[in-house]
């Protein structure tokens, strides 16, 4: 699990894994769709515009779906900032799909382009993008599966303070060292946030290094049987280092309070959090299952695009296949509540989209095989009356 893949040198700007996978999915899917359009004499520029429109409104839709779904539990009374802050996670694919589809249909209507044809063009890329973003989910630690047996070779144990660890800790399936558990004034316990090793300012880090060096010197001198004078001198250095370290601890910072209470450095806290026994029970990598399914559907729908006889069928097949895959995926996943008629929200939406897909396939059978608006695209240099340079 790597929620932050790396930081840009000198700028210290974090590159988040989910955002990077989302961008790769968008750029790769848009390029693939534009190539598909060019190969079948459609407008690649229109497809690129559709990609940007879909990106913006998919993010809006994904966030809106999540906020609506978890309003009472996570957002009620927290203000607008909490609603629009996506840096801590909180987007749902179906919300993004619905938002993107509404925006794409509206854009095609404005441009008076063939709805069935261009939906077919972008559909395989949509599944490619989903496959890439699920890799981002895996790296971020969200959208996890249920506990699996130790005999499952690909079962994953996520690290401390991952979303899976939080849930299993709350359900008392795993434990954490006392040093990593914060107890608030009302008695409510919570884990130190997963980014606490990164939040230590430079002066405090330096003070911790000096304290660790002084403690190591005392331990080595004791082990080799140094005389009392040398030991007293090293202990005085250690005590001064500990005093300087405590003066650097920030009041109110959770990790600093834990360091003060248990008299341990941030490095020691980080070592406890990174220990192999401070991990989750093995769970199904549901994110990778979904990613593999998305890539498979992208390949299948792309092959269907070049073999179809009726415009709109690729888009329809998506709504007949992905909802089934997602319904099964929700059975494996355990992160979503069953709060929609005994189903998860995604399972409920899957049934609706499956019905929509059946209605779409029935409707396009009454239409001509080829959309009347599907005219071959000619680049500007090849338009009648234009001169090629």
Protein backbone atom coordinates (compact mmCIF):
# COMPACT_ATOMS: atom_id res chain seq x y z
CA UNK A 1 0.00 0.00 0.00
CA UNK A 2 1.45 3.32 -1.13
CA UNK A 3 -1.09 6.15 -0.84
CA UNK A 4 1.75 8.57 -1.66
CA UNK A 5 3.99 7.14 -4.37
CA UNK A 6 6.68 9.80 -4.08
CA UNK A 7 7.29 13.50 -3.57
CA UNK A 8 8.59 15.84 -6.22
CA UNK A 9 12.24 16.68 -5.45
CA UNK A 10 12.84 20.10 -3.87
CA UNK A 11 9.15 21.04 -4.11
CA UNK A 12 8.02 18.35 -1.62
CA UNK A 13 4.72 18.03 -3.47
CA UNK A 14 3.17 14.59 -2.82
CA UNK A 15 2.10 12.50 -5.81
CA UNK A 16 -0.90 10.47 -4.68
CA UNK A 17 -1.23 6.99 -6.14
CA UNK A 18 -4.98 7.19 -6.73
CA UNK A 19 -4.73 10.51 -8.54
CA UNK A 20 -1.85 9.27 -10.68
CA UNK A 21 -3.72 6.09 -11.68
CA UNK A 22 -6.79 8.18 -12.44
CA UNK A 23 -4.74 10.41 -14.72
CA UNK A 24 -3.11 7.45 -16.47
CA UNK A 25 -6.54 5.91 -16.98
CA UNK A 26 -7.89 9.16 -18.40
CA UNK A 27 -4.98 9.85 -20.73
CA UNK A 28 -4.63 6.24 -21.87
CA UNK A 29 -8.37 5.81 -22.36
CA UNK A 30 -8.71 9.07 -24.26
CA UNK A 31 -5.80 8.20 -26.56
CA UNK A 32 -7.27 4.74 -27.17
CA UNK A 33 -10.72 6.15 -27.97
CA UNK A 34 -9.25 8.79 -30.31
CA UNK A 35 -7.31 6.07 -32.11
CA UNK A 36 -10.48 3.99 -32.40
CA UNK A 37 -12.30 6.98 -33.84
CA UNK A 38 -9.57 7.71 -36.39
CA UNK A 39 -9.49 4.09 -37.54
CA UNK A 40 -13.22 4.15 -38.27
CA UNK A 41 -13.33 7.62 -39.89
CA UNK A 42 -14.84 9.40 -36.90
CA UNK A 43 -13.79 12.73 -35.38
CA UNK A 44 -10.87 12.14 -32.95
CA UNK A 45 -10.96 15.77 -31.78
CA UNK A 46 -14.56 15.33 -30.68
CA UNK A 47 -13.54 12.21 -28.76
CA UNK A 48 -10.73 14.09 -26.98
CA UNK A 49 -13.22 16.80 -25.97
CA UNK A 50 -15.55 14.08 -24.71
CA UNK A 51 -12.70 12.73 -22.62
CA UNK A 52 -12.15 16.04 -20.83
CA UNK A 53 -15.88 16.53 -20.32
CA UNK A 54 -16.19 13.02 -18.92
CA UNK A 55 -13.20 13.51 -16.58
CA UNK A 56 -14.58 16.67 -14.99
CA UNK A 57 -18.11 15.40 -14.52
CA UNK A 58 -17.06 11.91 -13.46
CA UNK A 59 -15.12 13.40 -10.53
CA UNK A 60 -18.11 15.60 -9.63
CA UNK A 61 -20.52 12.68 -9.92
CA UNK A 62 -18.30 10.26 -8.00
CA UNK A 63 -17.92 12.70 -5.13
CA UNK A 64 -21.59 13.64 -5.10
CA UNK A 65 -22.64 9.97 -4.99
CA UNK A 66 -20.28 9.32 -2.06
CA UNK A 67 -21.38 12.40 -0.13
CA UNK A 68 -25.07 11.57 -0.57
CA UNK A 69 -24.49 7.94 0.38
CA UNK A 70 -22.54 8.73 3.57
CA UNK A 71 -24.05 12.09 4.46
CA UNK A 72 -25.37 11.17 7.91
CA UNK A 73 -22.22 9.29 8.92
CA UNK A 74 -19.48 11.54 7.58
CA UNK A 75 -20.68 14.94 6.35
CA UNK A 76 -23.70 16.20 8.26
CA UNK A 77 -22.82 19.45 10.01
CA UNK A 78 -19.22 19.56 8.76
CA UNK A 79 -19.60 22.33 6.18
CA UNK A 80 -18.78 22.74 2.51
CA UNK A 81 -15.03 22.21 2.93
CA UNK A 82 -15.53 18.61 4.06
CA UNK A 83 -17.87 17.97 1.13
CA UNK A 84 -15.45 19.11 -1.58
CA UNK A 85 -12.22 17.83 0.02
CA UNK A 86 -11.35 14.68 -1.93
CA UNK A 87 -7.75 14.43 -0.73
CA UNK A 88 -8.80 12.04 2.04
CA UNK A 89 -10.65 9.80 -0.43
CA UNK A 90 -14.34 9.32 -0.95
CA UNK A 91 -15.52 8.74 -4.53
CA UNK A 92 -17.76 6.03 -5.95
CA UNK A 93 -17.42 4.66 -9.47
CA UNK A 94 -21.13 4.54 -10.21
CA UNK A 95 -21.48 8.20 -9.37
CA UNK A 96 -18.63 8.95 -11.76
CA UNK A 97 -20.19 6.77 -14.45
CA UNK A 98 -23.56 8.48 -14.15
CA UNK A 99 -22.01 11.95 -14.10
CA UNK A 100 -19.82 11.20 -17.13
CA UNK A 101 -22.66 9.67 -19.13
CA UNK A 102 -24.98 12.62 -18.53
CA UNK A 103 -22.24 15.07 -19.55
CA UNK A 104 -21.26 13.05 -22.64
CA UNK A 105 -24.85 12.74 -23.85
CA UNK A 106 -25.40 16.46 -23.34
CA UNK A 107 -22.18 17.34 -25.19
CA UNK A 108 -23.05 15.08 -28.12
CA UNK A 109 -26.51 16.64 -28.29
CA UNK A 110 -24.99 20.12 -28.39
CA UNK A 111 -22.60 19.07 -31.16
CA UNK A 112 -25.40 17.21 -32.98
CA UNK A 113 -23.17 14.17 -33.31
CA UNK A 114 -24.29 10.55 -33.39
CA UNK A 115 -25.10 9.44 -29.87
CA UNK A 116 -24.95 5.70 -30.56
CA UNK A 117 -21.72 5.85 -32.55
CA UNK A 118 -19.69 7.93 -30.13
CA UNK A 119 -20.96 6.10 -27.08
CA UNK A 120 -19.66 2.92 -28.71
CA UNK A 121 -16.29 4.59 -29.28
CA UNK A 122 -15.75 5.73 -25.69
CA UNK A 123 -17.21 2.67 -23.92
CA UNK A 124 -14.09 0.40 -24.01
CA UNK A 125 -11.97 3.31 -22.76
CA UNK A 126 -14.35 3.75 -19.83
CA UNK A 127 -13.57 0.22 -18.66
CA UNK A 128 -9.85 0.78 -19.19
CA UNK A 129 -10.03 3.85 -16.98
CA UNK A 130 -11.91 1.90 -14.34
CA UNK A 131 -9.25 -0.81 -14.39
CA UNK A 132 -6.49 1.73 -13.83
CA UNK A 133 -8.28 3.56 -11.02
CA UNK A 134 -8.87 0.27 -9.19
CA UNK A 135 -5.10 -0.14 -9.09
CA UNK A 136 -5.10 3.27 -7.42
CA UNK A 137 -7.67 1.95 -4.95
CA UNK A 138 -5.35 -0.95 -4.13
CA UNK A 139 -2.40 1.37 -3.58
CA UNK A 140 -4.58 3.64 -1.43
CA UNK A 141 -5.95 0.73 0.59
CA UNK A 142 -9.66 1.40 -0.01
CA UNK A 143 -12.39 -0.81 -1.54
CA UNK A 144 -11.02 -3.92 0.17
CA UNK A 145 -12.40 -7.43 0.25
CA UNK A 146 -13.44 -9.73 3.04
CA UNK A 147 -11.14 -11.79 5.25
CA UNK A 148 -9.72 -14.84 3.49
CA UNK A 149 -7.96 -17.92 4.76
CA UNK A 150 -4.17 -18.12 5.09
CA UNK A 151 -4.13 -20.76 2.36
CA UNK A 152 -5.05 -18.14 -0.25
CA UNK A 153 -1.68 -17.27 -1.78
CA UNK A 154 -2.75 -13.81 -2.96
CA UNK A 155 -4.43 -12.68 0.24
CA UNK A 156 -3.18 -9.22 1.28
CA UNK A 157 -2.33 -7.95 4.77
CA UNK A 158 -2.61 -4.17 4.72
CA UNK A 159 -0.42 -2.05 7.01
CA UNK A 160 -1.23 -0.06 10.11
CA UNK A 161 -3.75 2.81 9.80
CA UNK A 162 -4.91 1.74 6.35
CA UNK A 163 -8.70 1.91 5.90
CA UNK A 164 -8.80 -1.88 6.30
CA UNK A 165 -6.80 -1.71 9.52
CA UNK A 166 -9.12 0.96 10.95
CA UNK A 167 -12.19 -1.18 10.23
CA UNK A 168 -10.70 -4.39 11.62
CA UNK A 169 -9.42 -2.52 14.69
CA UNK A 170 -12.86 -1.05 15.31
CA UNK A 171 -14.34 -4.56 14.93
CA UNK A 172 -11.67 -5.89 17.37
CA UNK A 173 -10.25 -8.26 14.78
CA UNK A 174 -6.74 -6.79 15.16
CA UNK A 175 -4.92 -4.89 17.91
CA UNK A 176 -2.37 -2.08 18.00
CA UNK A 177 0.32 -1.08 20.52
CA UNK A 178 -0.88 1.26 23.24
CA UNK A 179 1.59 3.91 22.05
CA UNK A 180 -0.36 4.20 18.78
CA UNK A 181 -3.79 4.52 20.40
CA UNK A 182 -4.96 8.03 21.28
CA UNK A 183 -7.55 8.34 24.05
CA UNK A 184 -9.50 11.60 23.95
CA UNK A 185 -10.92 13.39 26.98
CA UNK A 186 -14.32 11.76 26.59
CA UNK A 187 -12.68 8.33 26.66
CA UNK A 188 -13.03 7.69 22.93
CA UNK A 189 -10.04 5.78 21.53
CA UNK A 190 -8.59 6.34 18.05
CA UNK A 191 -5.49 5.38 16.13
CA UNK A 192 -2.77 7.82 15.20
CA UNK A 193 -3.29 8.88 11.57
CA UNK A 194 -1.25 6.97 9.02
CA UNK A 195 0.72 10.03 7.93
CA UNK A 196 2.09 10.86 11.39
CA UNK A 197 5.70 9.87 10.52
CA UNK A 198 5.70 12.45 7.70
CA UNK A 199 4.38 15.34 9.77
CA UNK A 200 7.44 15.70 12.03
CA UNK A 201 9.13 19.09 11.45
CA UNK A 202 12.87 19.23 10.82
CA UNK A 203 13.94 20.69 14.23
CA UNK A 204 12.05 17.95 16.04
CA UNK A 205 13.58 15.27 13.81
CA UNK A 206 17.04 16.64 14.57
CA UNK A 207 16.33 16.67 18.31
CA UNK A 208 15.16 13.04 18.09
CA UNK A 209 18.34 12.00 16.28
CA UNK A 210 20.49 13.63 18.95
CA UNK A 211 18.47 11.92 21.70
CA UNK A 212 18.78 8.52 20.01
CA UNK A 213 22.53 9.03 19.57
CA UNK A 214 22.91 9.94 23.25
CA UNK A 215 20.83 6.94 24.40
CA UNK A 216 22.88 4.63 22.18
CA UNK A 217 26.09 5.98 23.66
CA UNK A 218 24.86 5.31 27.21
CA UNK A 219 23.79 1.77 26.28
CA UNK A 220 27.14 0.98 24.64
CA UNK A 221 29.12 2.40 27.56
CA UNK A 222 27.07 0.35 30.02
CA UNK A 223 27.56 -2.81 27.97
CA UNK A 224 31.36 -2.48 27.88
CA UNK A 225 31.56 -1.67 31.62
CA UNK A 226 32.69 1.96 31.42
CA UNK A 227 33.72 3.72 34.61
CA UNK A 228 31.19 5.76 36.59
CA UNK A 229 32.65 9.11 35.52
CA UNK A 230 32.16 8.38 31.82
CA UNK A 231 28.67 7.02 32.45
CA UNK A 232 27.67 10.11 34.41
CA UNK A 233 28.92 12.37 31.62
CA UNK A 234 27.04 10.42 28.93
CA UNK A 235 23.87 10.39 31.02
CA UNK A 236 24.05 14.15 31.43
CA UNK A 237 24.34 14.50 27.65
CA UNK A 238 21.37 12.17 27.28
CA UNK A 239 19.28 14.12 29.79
CA UNK A 240 20.05 17.41 28.03
CA UNK A 241 19.10 15.82 24.70
CA UNK A 242 15.83 14.54 26.16
CA UNK A 243 15.01 17.99 27.57
CA UNK A 244 15.74 19.62 24.20
CA UNK A 245 13.58 17.00 22.50
CA UNK A 246 10.64 17.58 24.82
CA UNK A 247 10.88 21.33 24.23
CA UNK A 248 10.44 20.70 20.49
CA UNK A 249 7.26 18.64 20.96
CA UNK A 250 4.25 20.58 19.72
CA UNK A 251 1.28 20.99 22.07
CA UNK A 252 -1.90 19.58 20.56
CA UNK A 253 -0.24 17.38 17.92
CA UNK A 254 -1.50 13.83 18.45
CA UNK A 255 1.76 12.08 17.66
CA UNK A 256 3.71 14.52 19.85
CA UNK A 257 1.33 13.94 22.77
CA UNK A 258 1.82 10.18 22.41
CA UNK A 259 5.58 10.67 22.30
CA UNK A 260 5.44 12.78 25.48
CA UNK A 261 3.12 10.38 27.36
CA UNK A 262 5.09 7.21 26.55
CA UNK A 263 8.50 8.90 26.35
CA UNK A 264 9.23 7.50 22.88
CA UNK A 265 10.39 9.22 19.72
CA UNK A 266 8.49 9.47 16.48
CA UNK A 267 10.97 7.05 14.96
CA UNK A 268 10.01 4.48 17.61
CA UNK A 269 6.31 5.09 16.94
CA UNK A 270 6.91 4.66 13.21
CA UNK A 271 8.82 1.42 13.84
CA UNK A 272 5.88 0.08 15.88
CA UNK A 273 3.47 1.00 13.08
CA UNK A 274 5.67 -0.66 10.45
CA UNK A 275 6.09 -3.92 12.38
CA UNK A 276 4.82 -7.05 10.61
CA UNK A 277 2.54 -7.96 13.51
CA UNK A 278 0.80 -4.57 13.22
CA UNK A 279 -1.07 -5.48 10.04
CA UNK A 280 -4.55 -6.58 9.08
CA UNK A 281 -5.84 -10.09 8.73
CA UNK A 282 -5.41 -11.34 5.16
CA UNK A 283 -8.17 -10.04 2.90
CA UNK A 284 -9.20 -10.57 -0.71
CA UNK A 285 -7.60 -7.96 -3.02
CA UNK A 286 -11.01 -7.00 -4.37
CA UNK A 287 -9.48 -3.92 -6.01
CA UNK A 288 -7.27 -6.11 -8.22
CA UNK A 289 -10.19 -8.41 -9.03
CA UNK A 290 -12.12 -5.36 -10.21
CA UNK A 291 -9.11 -4.05 -12.13
CA UNK A 292 -8.66 -7.35 -13.97
CA UNK A 293 -12.38 -7.44 -14.75
CA UNK A 294 -12.26 -3.88 -16.08
CA UNK A 295 -9.31 -4.62 -18.37
CA UNK A 296 -11.02 -7.77 -19.63
CA UNK A 297 -14.23 -5.88 -20.40
CA UNK A 298 -12.21 -3.14 -22.12
CA UNK A 299 -10.60 -5.76 -24.40
CA UNK A 300 -13.93 -7.50 -25.04
CA UNK A 301 -15.81 -4.28 -25.84
CA UNK A 302 -13.01 -3.04 -28.08
CA UNK A 303 -13.12 -6.30 -30.05
CA UNK A 304 -16.91 -6.02 -30.27
CA UNK A 305 -16.63 -2.45 -31.56
CA UNK A 306 -14.82 -3.57 -34.72
CA UNK A 307 -17.20 -6.50 -35.28
CA UNK A 308 -20.56 -4.97 -34.44
CA UNK A 309 -23.27 -4.60 -37.05
CA UNK A 310 -25.46 -2.14 -35.13
CA UNK A 311 -24.49 1.20 -33.66
CA UNK A 312 -25.06 1.41 -29.92
CA UNK A 313 -24.59 -2.27 -29.19
CA UNK A 314 -21.19 -1.82 -27.49
CA UNK A 315 -22.66 0.66 -25.02
CA UNK A 316 -25.57 -1.69 -24.41
CA UNK A 317 -23.33 -4.69 -23.78
CA UNK A 318 -21.46 -2.65 -21.16
CA UNK A 319 -24.69 -2.22 -19.19
CA UNK A 320 -25.46 -5.90 -19.51
CA UNK A 321 -22.04 -7.10 -18.30
CA UNK A 322 -20.48 -4.62 -15.89
CA UNK A 323 -23.47 -4.51 -13.48
CA UNK A 324 -23.24 -8.29 -13.10
CA UNK A 325 -19.50 -8.07 -12.45
CA UNK A 326 -20.02 -5.26 -9.95
CA UNK A 327 -22.81 -7.13 -8.15
CA UNK A 328 -20.46 -10.08 -7.58
CA UNK A 329 -17.63 -7.73 -6.59
CA UNK A 330 -19.82 -6.23 -3.87
CA UNK A 331 -20.31 -9.71 -2.41
CA UNK A 332 -16.54 -10.02 -2.02
CA UNK A 333 -16.08 -6.49 -0.69
CA UNK A 334 -16.97 -5.69 2.92
CA UNK A 335 -16.38 -1.92 3.03
CA UNK A 336 -19.89 -0.89 1.92
CA UNK A 337 -22.98 -1.10 4.14
CA UNK A 338 -26.08 -2.99 3.02
CA UNK A 339 -28.37 0.00 3.29
CA UNK A 340 -30.38 -0.20 0.05
CA UNK A 341 -33.20 -2.73 0.46
CA UNK A 342 -30.75 -5.24 1.95
CA UNK A 343 -28.19 -4.59 -0.78
CA UNK A 344 -25.24 -2.24 -1.01
CA UNK A 345 -25.89 0.99 -2.90
CA UNK A 346 -23.73 -0.27 -5.78
CA UNK A 347 -25.65 -3.54 -5.99
CA UNK A 348 -28.92 -1.64 -6.10
CA UNK A 349 -27.62 0.65 -8.85
CA UNK A 350 -26.31 -2.41 -10.71
CA UNK A 351 -29.81 -3.84 -10.93
CA UNK A 352 -31.13 -0.52 -12.24
CA UNK A 353 -28.38 -0.29 -14.86
CA UNK A 354 -28.94 -3.89 -15.89
CA UNK A 355 -32.58 -3.04 -16.57
CA UNK A 356 -31.49 0.11 -18.41
CA UNK A 357 -29.11 -1.95 -20.53
CA UNK A 358 -31.89 -4.37 -21.48
CA UNK A 359 -34.17 -1.46 -22.38
CA UNK A 360 -31.39 0.16 -24.43
CA UNK A 361 -30.76 -3.03 -26.43
CA UNK A 362 -34.47 -3.40 -27.06
CA UNK A 363 -34.75 0.23 -28.18
CA UNK A 364 -31.84 0.19 -30.64
CA UNK A 365 -33.24 -2.88 -32.39
CA UNK A 366 -36.02 -0.64 -33.66
CA UNK A 367 -33.53 1.85 -35.07
CA UNK A 368 -31.48 1.60 -38.27
CA UNK A 369 -28.31 -0.46 -38.07
CA UNK A 370 -26.26 2.69 -38.63
CA UNK A 371 -27.05 6.00 -37.01
CA UNK A 372 -28.23 8.58 -39.60
CA UNK A 373 -25.81 11.09 -38.04
CA UNK A 374 -22.83 8.76 -38.47
CA UNK A 375 -21.23 10.44 -41.48
CA UNK A 376 -17.55 9.83 -42.29
CA UNK A 377 -15.31 12.45 -40.74
CA UNK A 378 -13.02 14.45 -42.99
CA UNK A 379 -10.13 16.43 -41.50
CA UNK A 380 -10.29 20.20 -42.10
CA UNK A 381 -7.65 19.97 -44.84
CA UNK A 382 -9.84 17.53 -46.78
CA UNK A 383 -13.13 19.44 -46.58
CA UNK A 384 -14.73 20.37 -49.94
CA UNK A 385 -13.42 23.70 -51.18
CA UNK A 386 -10.39 23.70 -48.87
CA UNK A 387 -6.81 23.65 -50.09
CA UNK A 388 -4.37 21.24 -48.55
CA UNK A 389 -0.98 22.63 -47.66
